[in-house]
Amino acid sequence: MDQSSDASGASVANLRSEPAEANQQDERASASGSTRSPALGIVLMAISMLFIPGADAIGKYLSGAHSPAFLSWARYVAALGFVLPVVLYVQARAPAPLIGRNQILPQLLRTAFLVGAMTLYFTAIARIPLADALGAYFIAPIIATLLAMIVLRERLDRRKLAAVILGFIGAMLIVRPGADGSSGTLIALASGGLMACYLVMTRATAQGSTPLSALTIQLVFGILLLTPIVLFQWTVPNREEILLILLMGLLSAVSNLLTISAFRMAPVSTLSPLVYLELLGATALGYAMFYDLPSTATWIGILVIVIAGLAVVAPARGKRGRAR
């Protein structure tokens, strides 16, 4: 998860919650002479989406020795260790406040949703295969669509309403109430629900900070929120586990920065479908490391959710026609 994961974090939010106007802004920027390379953006996005399951797989491997809260905290600390030098370099070249005073509470709430989503996700992957957890977690953009209608007053057309219903059906196919392991899948669904809240908050606060500063604030606030909990669940990782935690943080930080870079080069509608590469990576790593493969019903549910998610991010026909 990051993303999976804080993988999901700001990068997933940009993927699934930006409005159609973002595409129009991209087109205007391109027309004004901005440097753009859609092909490179696609490559960066694909690499990012394949990195995220690696961080999740490490989290699942470490879950036998460490609590979900500790792993979330360690992931934030490790990621911040890699991001901080970049931030200091940028700040040294162009000093500017990372966050305005009026953005502190919204960013704190936004991070709290993400911390909750990540902690629940780590809990889920400790109990069920990676692909099962990720498939349930992908309900987030569907729920975010409903929340955006309620909170942000966005219009819910027939296409998006059908996608919401389809996504719910897919979630039920994955959960299969009463089936073995359904508790872990329900936790993954709850993680997706919190991620949906994070997506909406990210959308609402998008104009208050740059992507790099938003990522830094997210990591710092996440560490502060988790530290009191981790103090009561503290475990000491050995040398191998420390190296794995550092690798997990590096994959998380790189995937976020790759995604941010990708969105500067290609429009949302081009990059959004690539998020489902996470499922391929999660399935491959789940089988290679844990011999886990989703059941037939789970695969069907994942496919239904993917179709619903693509329907949510796809531009309407009229707008697509005008863009040409």
C-alpha atoms as a PDB file:
ATOM      1  CA  MET A   1       0.000   0.000   0.000  1.00  0.00           C
ATOM      2  CA  ASP A   2       1.891   2.846   0.158  1.00  0.00           C
ATOM      3  CA  GLN A   3       0.423   2.001  -1.217  1.00  0.00           C
ATOM      4  CA  SER A   4      -0.271   0.386  -0.215  1.00  0.00           C
ATOM      5  CA  SER A   5       0.989   2.435   1.528  1.00  0.00           C
ATOM      6  CA  ASP A   6       1.694   6.256   2.218  1.00  0.00           C
ATOM      7  CA  ALA A   7       1.766   4.780  -1.289  1.00  0.00           C
ATOM      8  CA  SER A   8      -0.489   5.356  -1.790  1.00  0.00           C
ATOM      9  CA  GLY A   9      -0.574   8.625   0.439  1.00  0.00           C
ATOM     10  CA  ALA A  10      -0.338  11.778  -1.652  1.00  0.00           C
ATOM     11  CA  SER A  11       0.401   9.792  -4.767  1.00  0.00           C
ATOM     12  CA  VAL A  12      -2.804   7.729  -4.653  1.00  0.00           C
ATOM     13  CA  ALA A  13      -4.766  10.868  -3.836  1.00  0.00           C
ATOM     14  CA  ASN A  14      -3.458  12.605  -6.936  1.00  0.00           C
ATOM     15  CA  LEU A  15      -4.342   9.517  -8.942  1.00  0.00           C
ATOM     16  CA  ARG A  16      -7.911   9.119  -7.969  1.00  0.00           C
ATOM     17  CA  SER A  17      -9.345  12.293  -6.567  1.00  0.00           C
ATOM     18  CA  GLU A  18      -8.384  15.125  -8.888  1.00  0.00           C
ATOM     19  CA  PRO A  19     -11.318  16.550 -10.864  1.00  0.00           C
ATOM     20  CA  ALA A  20     -11.642  16.745 -14.615  1.00  0.00           C
ATOM     21  CA  GLU A  21     -10.513  20.364 -14.417  1.00  0.00           C
ATOM     22  CA  ALA A  22      -7.017  19.079 -13.618  1.00  0.00           C
ATOM     23  CA  ASN A  23      -6.823  17.620 -17.103  1.00  0.00           C
ATOM     24  CA  GLN A  24      -7.871  20.965 -18.572  1.00  0.00           C
ATOM     25  CA  GLN A  25      -5.170  22.714 -16.542  1.00  0.00           C
ATOM     26  CA  ASP A  26      -2.635  20.199 -17.838  1.00  0.00           C
ATOM     27  CA  GLU A  27      -3.719  20.954 -21.397  1.00  0.00           C
ATOM     28  CA  ARG A  28      -3.461  24.707 -20.840  1.00  0.00           C
ATOM     29  CA  ALA A  29       0.001  24.267 -19.313  1.00  0.00           C
ATOM     30  CA  SER A  30       1.065  22.235 -22.317  1.00  0.00           C
ATOM     31  CA  ALA A  31      -0.281  24.844 -24.699  1.00  0.00           C
ATOM     32  CA  SER A  32       1.641  27.575 -22.892  1.00  0.00           C
ATOM     33  CA  GLY A  33       4.933  25.793 -23.580  1.00  0.00           C
ATOM     34  CA  SER A  34       5.566  23.826 -20.371  1.00  0.00           C
ATOM     35  CA  THR A  35       8.000  20.924 -20.691  1.00  0.00           C
ATOM     36  CA  ARG A  36       6.001  17.703 -20.806  1.00  0.00           C
ATOM     37  CA  SER A  37       6.867  14.107 -21.625  1.00  0.00           C
ATOM     38  CA  PRO A  38       3.832  11.797 -21.330  1.00  0.00           C
ATOM     39  CA  ALA A  39       5.893   8.730 -22.267  1.00  0.00           C
ATOM     40  CA  LEU A  40       8.397   9.394 -19.462  1.00  0.00           C
ATOM     41  CA  GLY A  41       5.505  10.089 -17.088  1.00  0.00           C
ATOM     42  CA  ILE A  42       4.007   6.690 -17.899  1.00  0.00           C
ATOM     43  CA  VAL A  43       7.360   4.970 -17.288  1.00  0.00           C
ATOM     44  CA  LEU A  44       7.843   6.746 -13.931  1.00  0.00           C
ATOM     45  CA  MET A  45       4.288   5.921 -12.847  1.00  0.00           C
ATOM     46  CA  ALA A  46       4.646   2.263 -13.798  1.00  0.00           C
ATOM     47  CA  ILE A  47       7.905   1.965 -11.840  1.00  0.00           C
ATOM     48  CA  SER A  48       6.285   3.660  -8.848  1.00  0.00           C
ATOM     49  CA  MET A  49       3.304   1.300  -8.838  1.00  0.00           C
ATOM     50  CA  LEU A  50       5.603  -1.728  -9.025  1.00  0.00           C
ATOM     51  CA  PHE A  51       7.732  -0.418  -6.131  1.00  0.00           C
ATOM     52  CA  ILE A  52       4.815  -0.043  -3.714  1.00  0.00           C
ATOM     53  CA  PRO A  53       4.035  -3.774  -3.291  1.00  0.00           C
ATOM     54  CA  GLY A  54       7.686  -4.287  -2.376  1.00  0.00           C
ATOM     55  CA  ALA A  55       7.238  -2.069   0.687  1.00  0.00           C
ATOM     56  CA  ASP A  56       4.003  -3.908   1.523  1.00  0.00           C
ATOM     57  CA  ALA A  57       5.680  -7.303   1.215  1.00  0.00           C
ATOM     58  CA  ILE A  58       8.416  -6.203   3.622  1.00  0.00           C
ATOM     59  CA  GLY A  59       5.725  -5.026   6.046  1.00  0.00           C
ATOM     60  CA  LYS A  60       3.973  -8.401   5.818  1.00  0.00           C
ATOM     61  CA  TYR A  61       7.269 -10.239   6.388  1.00  0.00           C
ATOM     62  CA  LEU A  62       8.023  -8.123   9.486  1.00  0.00           C
ATOM     63  CA  SER A  63       4.483  -8.359  10.884  1.00  0.00           C
ATOM     64  CA  GLY A  64       5.295 -11.587  12.674  1.00  0.00           C
ATOM     65  CA  ALA A  65       7.751  -9.786  14.975  1.00  0.00           C
ATOM     66  CA  HIS A  66       6.406  -6.225  15.145  1.00  0.00           C
ATOM     67  CA  SER A  67       3.010  -4.583  15.640  1.00  0.00           C
ATOM     68  CA  PRO A  68       1.216  -2.787  12.771  1.00  0.00           C
ATOM     69  CA  ALA A  69       1.590   0.545  14.604  1.00  0.00           C
ATOM     70  CA  PHE A  70       5.343   0.029  14.997  1.00  0.00           C
ATOM     71  CA  LEU A  71       5.743  -0.883  11.325  1.00  0.00           C
ATOM     72  CA  SER A  72       3.754   2.188  10.242  1.00  0.00           C
ATOM     73  CA  TRP A  73       5.886   4.386  12.495  1.00  0.00           C
ATOM     74  CA  ALA A  74       9.137   2.803  11.303  1.00  0.00           C
ATOM     75  CA  ARG A  75       8.086   3.233   7.686  1.00  0.00           C
ATOM     76  CA  TYR A  76       7.436   6.938   8.234  1.00  0.00           C
ATOM     77  CA  VAL A  77      10.744   7.422  10.052  1.00  0.00           C
ATOM     78  CA  ALA A  78      12.719   5.612   7.355  1.00  0.00           C
ATOM     79  CA  ALA A  79      10.936   7.492   4.546  1.00  0.00           C
ATOM     80  CA  LEU A  80      11.536  10.833   6.272  1.00  0.00           C
ATOM     81  CA  GLY A  81      15.230   9.983   6.535  1.00  0.00           C
ATOM     82  CA  PHE A  82      15.399   9.787   2.740  1.00  0.00           C
ATOM     83  CA  VAL A  83      13.078  12.729   2.017  1.00  0.00           C
ATOM     84  CA  LEU A  84      14.539  15.193   4.531  1.00  0.00           C
ATOM     85  CA  PRO A  85      17.854  15.800   2.712  1.00  0.00           C
ATOM     86  CA  VAL A  86      15.905  16.630  -0.453  1.00  0.00           C
ATOM     87  CA  VAL A  87      13.683  19.056   1.466  1.00  0.00           C
ATOM     88  CA  LEU A  88      16.675  20.739   3.116  1.00  0.00           C
ATOM     89  CA  TYR A  89      18.341  21.144  -0.275  1.00  0.00           C
ATOM     90  CA  VAL A  90      15.204  22.671  -1.804  1.00  0.00           C
ATOM     91  CA  GLN A  91      14.679  24.947   1.207  1.00  0.00           C
ATOM     92  CA  ALA A  92      18.290  26.122   1.045  1.00  0.00           C
ATOM     93  CA  ARG A  93      17.857  27.139  -2.589  1.00  0.00           C
ATOM     94  CA  ALA A  94      14.415  28.734  -2.181  1.00  0.00           C
ATOM     95  CA  PRO A  95      13.461  29.332   1.484  1.00  0.00           C
ATOM     96  CA  ALA A  96       9.699  29.175   2.040  1.00  0.00           C
ATOM     97  CA  PRO A  97       7.392  27.958   4.838  1.00  0.00           C
ATOM     98  CA  LEU A  98       6.411  24.334   4.402  1.00  0.00           C
ATOM     99  CA  ILE A  99       2.893  24.960   5.679  1.00  0.00           C
ATOM    100  CA  GLY A 100       0.688  27.959   6.451  1.00  0.00           C
ATOM    101  CA  ARG A 101      -0.883  28.366   9.881  1.00  0.00           C
ATOM    102  CA  ASN A 102      -4.387  27.880   8.514  1.00  0.00           C
ATOM    103  CA  GLN A 103      -3.303  24.536   7.034  1.00  0.00           C
ATOM    104  CA  ILE A 104      -2.022  22.923  10.250  1.00  0.00           C
ATOM    105  CA  LEU A 105      -5.318  21.396  11.438  1.00  0.00           C
ATOM    106  CA  PRO A 106      -6.478  20.226   7.980  1.00  0.00           C
ATOM    107  CA  GLN A 107      -3.079  18.622   7.313  1.00  0.00           C
ATOM    108  CA  LEU A 108      -3.102  16.993  10.758  1.00  0.00           C
ATOM    109  CA  LEU A 109      -6.567  15.527  10.100  1.00  0.00           C
ATOM    110  CA  ARG A 110      -5.482  14.415   6.630  1.00  0.00           C
ATOM    111  CA  THR A 111      -2.441  12.645   8.081  1.00  0.00           C
ATOM    112  CA  ALA A 112      -4.535  11.039  10.836  1.00  0.00           C
ATOM    113  CA  PHE A 113      -6.724   9.404   8.185  1.00  0.00           C
ATOM    114  CA  LEU A 114      -3.637   8.113   6.382  1.00  0.00           C
ATOM    115  CA  VAL A 115      -2.008   6.814   9.576  1.00  0.00           C
ATOM    116  CA  GLY A 116      -5.203   4.935  10.435  1.00  0.00           C
ATOM    117  CA  ALA A 117      -5.448   3.535   6.907  1.00  0.00           C
ATOM    118  CA  MET A 118      -1.829   2.360   6.894  1.00  0.00           C
ATOM    119  CA  THR A 119      -2.010   0.798  10.352  1.00  0.00           C
ATOM    120  CA  LEU A 120      -5.166  -1.122   9.463  1.00  0.00           C
ATOM    121  CA  TYR A 121      -3.605  -2.166   6.164  1.00  0.00           C
ATOM    122  CA  PHE A 122      -0.554  -3.589   7.951  1.00  0.00           C
ATOM    123  CA  THR A 123      -2.960  -5.418  10.264  1.00  0.00           C
ATOM    124  CA  ALA A 124      -4.788  -6.855   7.259  1.00  0.00           C
ATOM    125  CA  ILE A 125      -1.707  -8.059   5.347  1.00  0.00           C
ATOM    126  CA  ALA A 126      -0.533  -9.880   8.467  1.00  0.00           C
ATOM    127  CA  ARG A 127      -3.689 -12.026   8.181  1.00  0.00           C
ATOM    128  CA  ILE A 128      -4.492 -12.365   4.479  1.00  0.00           C
ATOM    129  CA  PRO A 129      -2.589 -12.468   1.140  1.00  0.00           C
ATOM    130  CA  LEU A 130      -1.261  -9.188  -0.242  1.00  0.00           C
ATOM    131  CA  ALA A 131      -3.452  -9.258  -3.351  1.00  0.00           C
ATOM    132  CA  ASP A 132      -6.606  -9.920  -1.284  1.00  0.00           C
ATOM    133  CA  ALA A 133      -5.819  -6.982   0.994  1.00  0.00           C
ATOM    134  CA  LEU A 134      -4.964  -4.690  -1.900  1.00  0.00           C
ATOM    135  CA  GLY A 135      -8.107  -5.669  -3.802  1.00  0.00           C
ATOM    136  CA  ALA A 136     -10.260  -4.756  -0.799  1.00  0.00           C
ATOM    137  CA  TYR A 137      -8.211  -1.605  -0.199  1.00  0.00           C
ATOM    138  CA  PHE A 138      -8.955  -0.443  -3.751  1.00  0.00           C
ATOM    139  CA  ILE A 139     -12.509   0.296  -2.650  1.00  0.00           C
ATOM    140  CA  ALA A 140     -11.061   3.662  -1.539  1.00  0.00           C
ATOM    141  CA  PRO A 141     -11.657   5.615  -4.782  1.00  0.00           C
ATOM    142  CA  ILE A 142     -15.231   4.347  -4.921  1.00  0.00           C
ATOM    143  CA  ILE A 143     -15.978   5.538  -1.378  1.00  0.00           C
ATOM    144  CA  ALA A 144     -14.081   8.772  -2.074  1.00  0.00           C
ATOM    145  CA  THR A 145     -16.443   9.449  -4.972  1.00  0.00           C
ATOM    146  CA  LEU A 146     -19.431   9.347  -2.607  1.00  0.00           C
ATOM    147  CA  LEU A 147     -17.675  11.421   0.052  1.00  0.00           C
ATOM    148  CA  ALA A 148     -16.672  14.040  -2.512  1.00  0.00           C
ATOM    149  CA  MET A 149     -20.324  14.416  -3.454  1.00  0.00           C
ATOM    150  CA  ILE A 150     -21.292  14.956   0.191  1.00  0.00           C
ATOM    151  CA  VAL A 151     -18.325  16.986   1.468  1.00  0.00           C
ATOM    152  CA  LEU A 152     -17.080  18.803  -1.619  1.00  0.00           C
ATOM    153  CA  ARG A 153     -20.469  19.103  -3.361  1.00  0.00           C
ATOM    154  CA  GLU A 154     -19.245  17.291  -6.444  1.00  0.00           C
ATOM    155  CA  ARG A 155     -21.847  16.087  -8.905  1.00  0.00           C
ATOM    156  CA  LEU A 156     -22.448  12.326  -9.013  1.00  0.00           C
ATOM    157  CA  ASP A 157     -23.515  11.378 -12.545  1.00  0.00           C
ATOM    158  CA  ARG A 158     -24.981   8.052 -13.628  1.00  0.00           C
ATOM    159  CA  ARG A 159     -21.605   6.672 -14.673  1.00  0.00           C
ATOM    160  CA  LYS A 160     -20.033   7.329 -11.261  1.00  0.00           C
ATOM    161  CA  LEU A 161     -23.125   6.058  -9.436  1.00  0.00           C
ATOM    162  CA  ALA A 162     -22.934   2.814 -11.428  1.00  0.00           C
ATOM    163  CA  ALA A 163     -19.224   2.591 -10.569  1.00  0.00           C
ATOM    164  CA  VAL A 164     -19.995   2.992  -6.857  1.00  0.00           C
ATOM    165  CA  ILE A 165     -22.562   0.188  -6.979  1.00  0.00           C
ATOM    166  CA  LEU A 166     -20.198  -2.011  -8.990  1.00  0.00           C
ATOM    167  CA  GLY A 167     -17.394  -1.363  -6.517  1.00  0.00           C
ATOM    168  CA  PHE A 168     -19.623  -2.410  -3.626  1.00  0.00           C
ATOM    169  CA  ILE A 169     -20.486  -5.657  -5.426  1.00  0.00           C
ATOM    170  CA  GLY A 170     -16.779  -6.303  -5.995  1.00  0.00           C
ATOM    171  CA  ALA A 171     -16.030  -5.692  -2.321  1.00  0.00           C
ATOM    172  CA  MET A 172     -18.689  -8.211  -1.295  1.00  0.00           C
ATOM    173  CA  LEU A 173     -17.190 -10.808  -3.647  1.00  0.00           C
ATOM    174  CA  ILE A 174     -13.808 -10.316  -1.973  1.00  0.00           C
ATOM    175  CA  VAL A 175     -15.122 -10.301   1.605  1.00  0.00           C
ATOM    176  CA  ARG A 176     -17.637 -13.147   1.154  1.00  0.00           C
ATOM    177  CA  PRO A 177     -19.207 -12.733   4.627  1.00  0.00           C
ATOM    178  CA  GLY A 178     -18.781 -15.917   6.632  1.00  0.00           C
ATOM    179  CA  ALA A 179     -15.788 -17.148   4.625  1.00  0.00           C
ATOM    180  CA  ASP A 180     -12.449 -17.971   6.255  1.00  0.00           C
ATOM    181  CA  GLY A 181     -10.203 -14.943   6.585  1.00  0.00           C
ATOM    182  CA  SER A 182     -13.059 -12.477   6.078  1.00  0.00           C
ATOM    183  CA  SER A 183     -12.052 -10.569   9.235  1.00  0.00           C
ATOM    184  CA  GLY A 184      -8.732  -9.638   7.612  1.00  0.00           C
ATOM    185  CA  THR A 185     -10.532  -8.549   4.456  1.00  0.00           C
ATOM    186  CA  LEU A 186     -12.953  -6.434   6.484  1.00  0.00           C
ATOM    187  CA  ILE A 187      -9.962  -4.727   8.091  1.00  0.00           C
ATOM    188  CA  ALA A 188      -8.575  -4.057   4.603  1.00  0.00           C
ATOM    189  CA  LEU A 189     -11.941  -2.585   3.596  1.00  0.00           C
ATOM    190  CA  ALA A 190     -11.889  -0.358   6.690  1.00  0.00           C
ATOM    191  CA  SER A 191      -8.400   0.719   5.656  1.00  0.00           C
ATOM    192  CA  GLY A 192      -9.788   1.628   2.235  1.00  0.00           C
ATOM    193  CA  GLY A 193     -12.561   3.642   3.914  1.00  0.00           C
ATOM    194  CA  LEU A 194     -10.026   5.706   5.875  1.00  0.00           C
ATOM    195  CA  MET A 195      -7.954   6.128   2.719  1.00  0.00           C
ATOM    196  CA  ALA A 196     -11.061   7.510   1.003  1.00  0.00           C
ATOM    197  CA  CYS A 197     -11.319  10.130   3.757  1.00  0.00           C
ATOM    198  CA  TYR A 198      -7.634  10.903   3.206  1.00  0.00           C
ATOM    199  CA  LEU A 199      -8.215  11.304  -0.535  1.00  0.00           C
ATOM    200  CA  VAL A 200     -11.010  13.802   0.024  1.00  0.00           C
ATOM    201  CA  MET A 201      -8.960  15.757   2.567  1.00  0.00           C
ATOM    202  CA  THR A 202      -5.989  15.781   0.180  1.00  0.00           C
ATOM    203  CA  ARG A 203      -8.265  17.132  -2.525  1.00  0.00           C
ATOM    204  CA  ALA A 204      -9.612  19.812  -0.160  1.00  0.00           C
ATOM    205  CA  THR A 205      -6.115  20.912   0.927  1.00  0.00           C
ATOM    206  CA  ALA A 206      -4.357  20.501  -2.423  1.00  0.00           C
ATOM    207  CA  GLN A 207      -3.815  24.234  -2.955  1.00  0.00           C
ATOM    208  CA  GLY A 208      -2.260  24.816   0.469  1.00  0.00           C
ATOM    209  CA  SER A 209       1.198  23.297  -0.166  1.00  0.00           C
ATOM    210  CA  THR A 210       3.512  21.828  -2.802  1.00  0.00           C
ATOM    211  CA  PRO A 211       3.681  18.033  -3.295  1.00  0.00           C
ATOM    212  CA  LEU A 212       7.107  17.790  -1.616  1.00  0.00           C
ATOM    213  CA  SER A 213       6.066  19.865   1.387  1.00  0.00           C
ATOM    214  CA  ALA A 214       2.796  17.934   1.679  1.00  0.00           C
ATOM    215  CA  LEU A 215       4.755  14.662   1.745  1.00  0.00           C
ATOM    216  CA  THR A 216       7.156  16.012   4.381  1.00  0.00           C
ATOM    217  CA  ILE A 217       4.323  17.288   6.591  1.00  0.00           C
ATOM    218  CA  GLN A 218       2.548  13.962   6.177  1.00  0.00           C
ATOM    219  CA  LEU A 219       5.615  12.052   7.374  1.00  0.00           C
ATOM    220  CA  VAL A 220       6.338  14.366  10.318  1.00  0.00           C
ATOM    221  CA  PHE A 221       2.725  14.441  11.531  1.00  0.00           C
ATOM    222  CA  GLY A 222       2.484  10.669  11.056  1.00  0.00           C
ATOM    223  CA  ILE A 223       5.508  10.098  13.283  1.00  0.00           C
ATOM    224  CA  LEU A 224       4.099  12.438  15.949  1.00  0.00           C
ATOM    225  CA  LEU A 225       0.704  10.728  15.915  1.00  0.00           C
ATOM    226  CA  LEU A 226       2.115   7.201  16.118  1.00  0.00           C
ATOM    227  CA  THR A 227       4.896   7.773  18.660  1.00  0.00           C
ATOM    228  CA  PRO A 228       2.648   7.657  21.805  1.00  0.00           C
ATOM    229  CA  ILE A 229       1.136   4.354  20.605  1.00  0.00           C
ATOM    230  CA  VAL A 230       4.479   2.846  19.610  1.00  0.00           C
ATOM    231  CA  LEU A 231       5.966   3.577  23.041  1.00  0.00           C
ATOM    232  CA  PHE A 232       3.585   0.967  24.478  1.00  0.00           C
ATOM    233  CA  GLN A 233       4.208  -1.509  21.640  1.00  0.00           C
ATOM    234  CA  TRP A 234       7.955  -1.018  21.281  1.00  0.00           C
ATOM    235  CA  THR A 235       9.982  -3.861  19.831  1.00  0.00           C
ATOM    236  CA  VAL A 236      13.665  -3.845  18.974  1.00  0.00           C
ATOM    237  CA  PRO A 237      14.418  -4.899  15.397  1.00  0.00           C
ATOM    238  CA  ASN A 238      17.566  -6.865  14.708  1.00  0.00           C
ATOM    239  CA  ARG A 239      20.165  -5.859  12.120  1.00  0.00           C
ATOM    240  CA  GLU A 240      18.393  -7.641   9.246  1.00  0.00           C
ATOM    241  CA  GLU A 241      15.054  -6.102  10.191  1.00  0.00           C
ATOM    242  CA  ILE A 242      16.575  -2.606  10.400  1.00  0.00           C
ATOM    243  CA  LEU A 243      17.893  -3.007   6.860  1.00  0.00           C
ATOM    244  CA  LEU A 244      14.469  -4.184   5.695  1.00  0.00           C
ATOM    245  CA  ILE A 245      12.777  -1.216   7.397  1.00  0.00           C
ATOM    246  CA  LEU A 246      15.205   1.149   5.674  1.00  0.00           C
ATOM    247  CA  LEU A 247      14.442  -0.520   2.348  1.00  0.00           C
ATOM    248  CA  MET A 248      10.708  -0.248   3.057  1.00  0.00           C
ATOM    249  CA  GLY A 249      11.077   3.481   3.765  1.00  0.00           C
ATOM    250  CA  LEU A 250      13.206   3.988   0.660  1.00  0.00           C
ATOM    251  CA  LEU A 251      10.673   2.232  -1.584  1.00  0.00           C
ATOM    252  CA  SER A 252       7.885   4.293  -0.030  1.00  0.00           C
ATOM    253  CA  ALA A 253       9.696   7.614  -0.471  1.00  0.00           C
ATOM    254  CA  VAL A 254      10.851   6.851  -4.017  1.00  0.00           C
ATOM    255  CA  SER A 255       7.395   5.695  -5.125  1.00  0.00           C
ATOM    256  CA  ASN A 256       5.867   8.941  -3.841  1.00  0.00           C
ATOM    257  CA  LEU A 257       8.446  11.128  -5.561  1.00  0.00           C
ATOM    258  CA  LEU A 258       8.188   9.140  -8.797  1.00  0.00           C
ATOM    259  CA  THR A 259       4.426   9.565  -8.783  1.00  0.00           C
ATOM    260  CA  ILE A 260       4.696  13.307  -8.146  1.00  0.00           C
ATOM    261  CA  SER A 261       7.170  13.596 -11.025  1.00  0.00           C
ATOM    262  CA  ALA A 262       4.936  11.526 -13.294  1.00  0.00           C
ATOM    263  CA  PHE A 263       1.970  13.833 -12.729  1.00  0.00           C
ATOM    264  CA  ARG A 264       4.088  16.788 -13.821  1.00  0.00           C
ATOM    265  CA  MET A 265       4.634  15.115 -17.186  1.00  0.00           C
ATOM    266  CA  ALA A 266       1.352  13.426 -18.062  1.00  0.00           C
ATOM    267  CA  PRO A 267      -2.352  14.046 -17.353  1.00  0.00           C
ATOM    268  CA  VAL A 268      -4.392  12.236 -14.696  1.00  0.00           C
ATOM    269  CA  SER A 269      -6.497  10.309 -17.229  1.00  0.00           C
ATOM    270  CA  THR A 270      -3.329   8.840 -18.776  1.00  0.00           C
ATOM    271  CA  LEU A 271      -1.706   7.746 -15.519  1.00  0.00           C
ATOM    272  CA  SER A 272      -4.699   6.639 -13.432  1.00  0.00           C
ATOM    273  CA  PRO A 273      -5.123   3.141 -14.941  1.00  0.00           C
ATOM    274  CA  LEU A 274      -1.490   2.336 -14.122  1.00  0.00           C
ATOM    275  CA  VAL A 275      -2.319   2.228 -10.401  1.00  0.00           C
ATOM    276  CA  TYR A 276      -3.683  -1.265 -10.930  1.00  0.00           C
ATOM    277  CA  LEU A 277      -0.165  -2.478 -11.664  1.00  0.00           C
ATOM    278  CA  GLU A 278       0.023  -2.694  -7.868  1.00  0.00           C
ATOM    279  CA  LEU A 279      -2.178  -5.781  -8.084  1.00  0.00           C
ATOM    280  CA  LEU A 280       0.281  -7.528 -10.396  1.00  0.00           C
ATOM    281  CA  GLY A 281       3.204  -6.700  -8.133  1.00  0.00           C
ATOM    282  CA  ALA A 282       1.324  -7.701  -4.990  1.00  0.00           C
ATOM    283  CA  THR A 283       0.230 -11.011  -6.500  1.00  0.00           C
ATOM    284  CA  ALA A 284       3.711 -11.854  -7.775  1.00  0.00           C
ATOM    285  CA  LEU A 285       5.443 -10.956  -4.504  1.00  0.00           C
ATOM    286  CA  GLY A 286       2.737 -12.653  -2.441  1.00  0.00           C
ATOM    287  CA  TYR A 287       3.313 -15.890  -4.308  1.00  0.00           C
ATOM    288  CA  ALA A 288       7.124 -15.605  -4.418  1.00  0.00           C
ATOM    289  CA  MET A 289       7.535 -14.796  -0.724  1.00  0.00           C
ATOM    290  CA  PHE A 290       4.496 -16.360   0.978  1.00  0.00           C
ATOM    291  CA  TYR A 291       3.017 -18.782  -1.610  1.00  0.00           C
ATOM    292  CA  ASP A 292      -0.240 -16.810  -1.444  1.00  0.00           C
ATOM    293  CA  LEU A 293      -2.631 -16.674  -4.391  1.00  0.00           C
ATOM    294  CA  PRO A 294      -6.126 -15.123  -4.381  1.00  0.00           C
ATOM    295  CA  SER A 295      -9.112 -17.434  -4.790  1.00  0.00           C
ATOM    296  CA  THR A 296     -11.275 -17.373  -7.919  1.00  0.00           C
ATOM    297  CA  ALA A 297     -14.001 -15.358  -6.163  1.00  0.00           C
ATOM    298  CA  THR A 298     -11.389 -12.856  -4.966  1.00  0.00           C
ATOM    299  CA  TRP A 299     -10.014 -12.464  -8.494  1.00  0.00           C
ATOM    300  CA  ILE A 300     -13.526 -11.786  -9.784  1.00  0.00           C
ATOM    301  CA  GLY A 301     -14.097  -9.229  -7.013  1.00  0.00           C
ATOM    302  CA  ILE A 302     -10.762  -7.525  -7.754  1.00  0.00           C
ATOM    303  CA  LEU A 303     -11.645  -7.362 -11.469  1.00  0.00           C
ATOM    304  CA  VAL A 304     -15.020  -5.787 -10.673  1.00  0.00           C
ATOM    305  CA  ILE A 305     -13.391  -3.170  -8.412  1.00  0.00           C
ATOM    306  CA  VAL A 306     -10.763  -2.394 -11.078  1.00  0.00           C
ATOM    307  CA  ILE A 307     -13.503  -1.846 -13.668  1.00  0.00           C
ATOM    308  CA  ALA A 308     -15.387   0.376 -11.214  1.00  0.00           C
ATOM    309  CA  GLY A 309     -12.243   2.352 -10.401  1.00  0.00           C
ATOM    310  CA  LEU A 310     -11.460   2.917 -14.077  1.00  0.00           C
ATOM    311  CA  ALA A 311     -15.035   4.100 -14.609  1.00  0.00           C
ATOM    312  CA  VAL A 312     -14.593   6.663 -11.827  1.00  0.00           C
ATOM    313  CA  VAL A 313     -11.393   8.187 -13.229  1.00  0.00           C
ATOM    314  CA  ALA A 314     -12.355   8.007 -16.921  1.00  0.00           C
ATOM    315  CA  PRO A 315     -13.336  11.388 -18.392  1.00  0.00           C
ATOM    316  CA  ALA A 316     -16.882  11.850 -19.641  1.00  0.00           C
ATOM    317  CA  ARG A 317     -17.400  11.509 -23.407  1.00  0.00           C
ATOM    318  CA  GLY A 318     -18.343  15.117 -23.901  1.00  0.00           C
ATOM    319  CA  LYS A 319     -15.269  16.427 -22.083  1.00  0.00           C
ATOM    320  CA  ARG A 320     -13.014  13.959 -23.854  1.00  0.00           C
ATOM    321  CA  GLY A 321     -14.363  15.111 -27.178  1.00  0.00           C
ATOM    322  CA  ARG A 322     -13.831  18.787 -26.369  1.00  0.00           C
ATOM    323  CA  ALA A 323     -10.267  18.041 -25.209  1.00  0.00           C
ATOM    324  CA  ARG A 324      -9.436  16.884 -28.706  1.00  0.00           C
END
